[in-house]
Amino acid sequence: MVYTAMLAPVRLGEHFVNGLVHADRLVREMEFHFPFGSRDGGAPPTGFVKGFIDLVVEHDGRVYVLDWKSDLLADYRAATIDRHVADNYDLQAQLYSLALIKLFGLTTEADYEARFGGAVYCFLRGMKLDGDGTEGVYFSRPPFEALMAYERGLEAIATVSDSAP
């Protein structure tokens, strides 16, 4: 499965890489750590989000979050994978995408559009060496404003937690 995952074609939204080993750059197990919560008036953040991204891929000038998934599904068609990700990994995709744009300093919509490629989940059991790059692969690239709204939601949750007795 690992051999196939590294050599199988992967569709990265509108971009394509004929095997992850051929991507421009790969960083494995990239740690992230960012603050959230009330910081008005110089107050310390309420909390931090910390984690590790399985693989950060840079290809054709864009950066992508890539996460390996070994889930055993009934099939690996796009509809099945989309439903499975929505049910199980949506929060993770949001956090990882937010972490990556923070790591790369993509603070404006223009920066985001130019550099952020998206989130890719590679379901190892469904990927194919002779495929078109979509088999076993989930791709998402939310609009910049959606990620900013998600970040504001984290801030709001932290603010409510701060004021709870």
Protein backbone atom coordinates (compact mmCIF):
# COMPACT_ATOMS: atom_id res chain seq x y z
CA MET A 1 0.00 0.00 0.00
CA VAL A 2 2.82 2.40 0.82
CA TYR A 3 4.52 1.71 -2.50
CA THR A 4 1.27 2.36 -4.36
CA ALA A 5 0.54 5.50 -2.32
CA MET A 6 3.88 7.07 -3.20
CA LEU A 7 3.81 6.12 -6.90
CA ALA A 8 0.10 6.37 -7.76
CA PRO A 9 -1.06 9.47 -9.61
CA VAL A 10 -2.86 11.97 -7.37
CA ARG A 11 -5.20 14.70 -8.53
CA LEU A 12 -4.58 17.84 -6.47
CA GLY A 13 -7.69 19.77 -7.44
CA GLU A 14 -6.86 21.34 -10.78
CA HIS A 15 -3.24 20.16 -10.49
CA PHE A 16 -1.86 16.67 -10.84
CA VAL A 17 1.22 14.82 -9.67
CA ASN A 18 2.20 11.52 -11.25
CA GLY A 19 3.19 9.96 -7.94
CA LEU A 20 3.88 11.86 -4.74
CA VAL A 21 7.57 10.96 -5.02
CA HIS A 22 7.59 13.37 -7.99
CA ALA A 23 6.14 16.34 -6.09
CA ASP A 24 8.40 19.39 -5.88
CA ARG A 25 8.79 19.07 -2.08
CA LEU A 26 7.54 16.79 0.69
CA VAL A 27 7.70 17.34 4.44
CA ARG A 28 6.70 14.38 6.57
CA GLU A 29 5.08 14.65 10.00
CA MET A 30 5.03 18.46 10.09
CA GLU A 31 4.18 19.64 13.59
CA PHE A 32 1.91 22.64 14.02
CA HIS A 33 0.94 24.68 17.03
CA PHE A 34 -1.15 27.84 16.94
CA PRO A 35 -2.96 29.93 19.57
CA PHE A 36 -6.65 30.70 19.69
CA GLY A 37 -8.94 32.56 22.04
CA SER A 38 -9.22 36.05 23.41
CA ARG A 39 -6.11 38.11 22.80
CA ASP A 40 -7.69 41.54 23.10
CA GLY A 41 -5.65 44.03 25.07
CA GLY A 42 -2.63 41.77 25.08
CA ALA A 43 -4.34 39.00 27.05
CA PRO A 44 -2.78 35.59 26.55
CA PRO A 45 -4.54 33.15 24.25
CA THR A 46 -7.12 30.86 25.78
CA GLY A 47 -5.67 27.74 24.23
CA PHE A 48 -3.62 26.19 21.50
CA VAL A 49 -4.27 23.78 18.66
CA LYS A 50 -1.43 21.32 18.24
CA GLY A 51 -0.97 18.38 15.93
CA PHE A 52 1.02 16.73 13.18
CA ILE A 53 0.22 16.75 9.48
CA ASP A 54 1.20 13.43 7.87
CA LEU A 55 2.60 15.03 4.75
CA VAL A 56 2.87 18.58 3.44
CA VAL A 57 3.25 18.60 -0.32
CA GLU A 58 4.46 21.50 -2.40
CA HIS A 59 3.78 21.15 -6.11
CA ASP A 60 3.44 23.68 -8.91
CA GLY A 61 3.87 26.52 -6.40
CA ARG A 62 1.07 25.45 -4.06
CA VAL A 63 1.11 23.73 -0.68
CA TYR A 64 -1.23 20.89 0.27
CA VAL A 65 -2.14 19.11 3.48
CA LEU A 66 -2.03 15.37 2.86
CA ASP A 67 -3.27 12.80 5.32
CA TRP A 68 -2.94 9.04 4.97
CA LYS A 69 -6.06 7.02 5.72
CA SER A 70 -6.12 3.24 6.09
CA ASP A 71 -9.86 2.99 6.74
CA LEU A 72 -11.55 -0.10 5.40
CA LEU A 73 -14.53 1.09 3.35
CA ALA A 74 -17.11 -0.83 1.32
CA ASP A 75 -15.69 0.83 -1.79
CA TYR A 76 -13.46 3.79 -2.63
CA ARG A 77 -15.68 5.68 -5.05
CA ALA A 78 -15.81 9.45 -4.66
CA ALA A 79 -19.31 9.49 -3.15
CA THR A 80 -18.38 6.90 -0.50
CA ILE A 81 -15.18 8.71 0.42
CA ASP A 82 -16.87 12.13 0.50
CA ARG A 83 -19.53 10.83 2.90
CA HIS A 84 -16.92 9.09 5.08
CA VAL A 85 -14.77 12.22 5.32
CA ALA A 86 -17.79 14.40 6.13
CA ASP A 87 -18.79 11.98 8.91
CA ASN A 88 -15.33 11.39 10.37
CA TYR A 89 -12.68 13.85 9.26
CA ASP A 90 -14.29 17.21 8.49
CA LEU A 91 -13.01 18.87 11.67
CA GLN A 92 -9.51 17.50 11.08
CA ALA A 93 -9.47 18.86 7.51
CA GLN A 94 -10.51 22.30 8.77
CA LEU A 95 -7.86 22.36 11.52
CA TYR A 96 -5.09 21.09 9.22
CA SER A 97 -5.97 23.59 6.48
CA LEU A 98 -6.05 26.43 8.99
CA ALA A 99 -2.73 25.29 10.46
CA LEU A 100 -1.08 25.17 7.04
CA ILE A 101 -2.15 28.65 6.00
CA LYS A 102 -0.86 29.95 9.33
CA LEU A 103 2.46 28.07 8.93
CA PHE A 104 2.96 29.59 5.50
CA GLY A 105 1.78 33.08 6.51
CA LEU A 106 -1.13 33.14 4.05
CA THR A 107 -3.04 35.98 5.69
CA THR A 108 -4.82 37.49 2.70
CA GLU A 109 -7.19 36.00 0.18
CA ALA A 110 -4.70 36.79 -2.59
CA ASP A 111 -1.92 34.88 -0.77
CA TYR A 112 -4.31 32.00 -0.15
CA GLU A 113 -5.40 31.82 -3.79
CA ALA A 114 -1.82 31.89 -4.99
CA ARG A 115 -0.29 29.38 -2.56
CA PHE A 116 -2.81 27.11 -0.80
CA GLY A 117 -3.64 24.03 -2.84
CA GLY A 118 -6.04 22.25 -0.51
CA ALA A 119 -6.46 19.22 1.72
CA VAL A 120 -5.94 15.74 0.31
CA TYR A 121 -6.86 12.50 2.04
CA CYS A 122 -5.29 9.42 0.48
CA PHE A 123 -7.20 6.26 1.31
CA LEU A 124 -4.39 3.76 0.88
CA ARG A 125 -6.62 0.76 0.15
CA GLY A 126 -8.30 2.54 -2.77
CA MET A 127 -5.37 4.12 -4.60
CA LYS A 128 -4.27 2.64 -7.94
CA LEU A 129 -0.99 2.76 -9.82
CA ASP A 130 -2.81 2.76 -13.16
CA GLY A 131 -5.57 5.17 -12.12
CA ASP A 132 -6.39 8.73 -13.08
CA GLY A 133 -5.45 10.16 -9.66
CA THR A 134 -8.94 10.24 -8.18
CA GLU A 135 -9.24 6.64 -6.96
CA GLY A 136 -9.04 6.53 -3.19
CA VAL A 137 -8.34 10.26 -3.04
CA TYR A 138 -10.42 12.96 -1.34
CA PHE A 139 -9.71 16.59 -2.19
CA SER A 140 -11.08 19.75 -0.60
CA ARG A 141 -10.20 23.40 -1.00
CA PRO A 142 -12.58 25.59 1.00
CA PRO A 143 -12.83 29.27 0.13
CA PHE A 144 -10.54 31.56 2.16
CA GLU A 145 -13.52 33.16 3.90
CA ALA A 146 -14.76 29.74 5.04
CA LEU A 147 -11.46 29.09 6.84
CA MET A 148 -11.53 32.57 8.37
CA ALA A 149 -15.10 31.92 9.57
CA TYR A 150 -13.93 28.65 11.08
CA GLU A 151 -11.12 30.47 12.89
CA ARG A 152 -13.61 33.05 14.21
CA GLY A 153 -15.72 30.13 15.45
CA LEU A 154 -12.73 28.83 17.41
CA GLU A 155 -12.26 32.30 18.90
CA ALA A 156 -15.94 32.43 19.88
CA ILE A 157 -15.79 29.01 21.56
CA ALA A 158 -12.70 30.10 23.48
CA THR A 159 -14.36 33.35 24.54
CA VAL A 160 -17.42 31.48 25.85
CA SER A 161 -15.12 29.06 27.70
CA ASP A 162 -13.28 32.02 29.25
CA SER A 163 -16.46 33.51 30.65
CA ALA A 164 -17.91 30.23 31.98
CA PRO A 165 -17.93 29.92 35.79
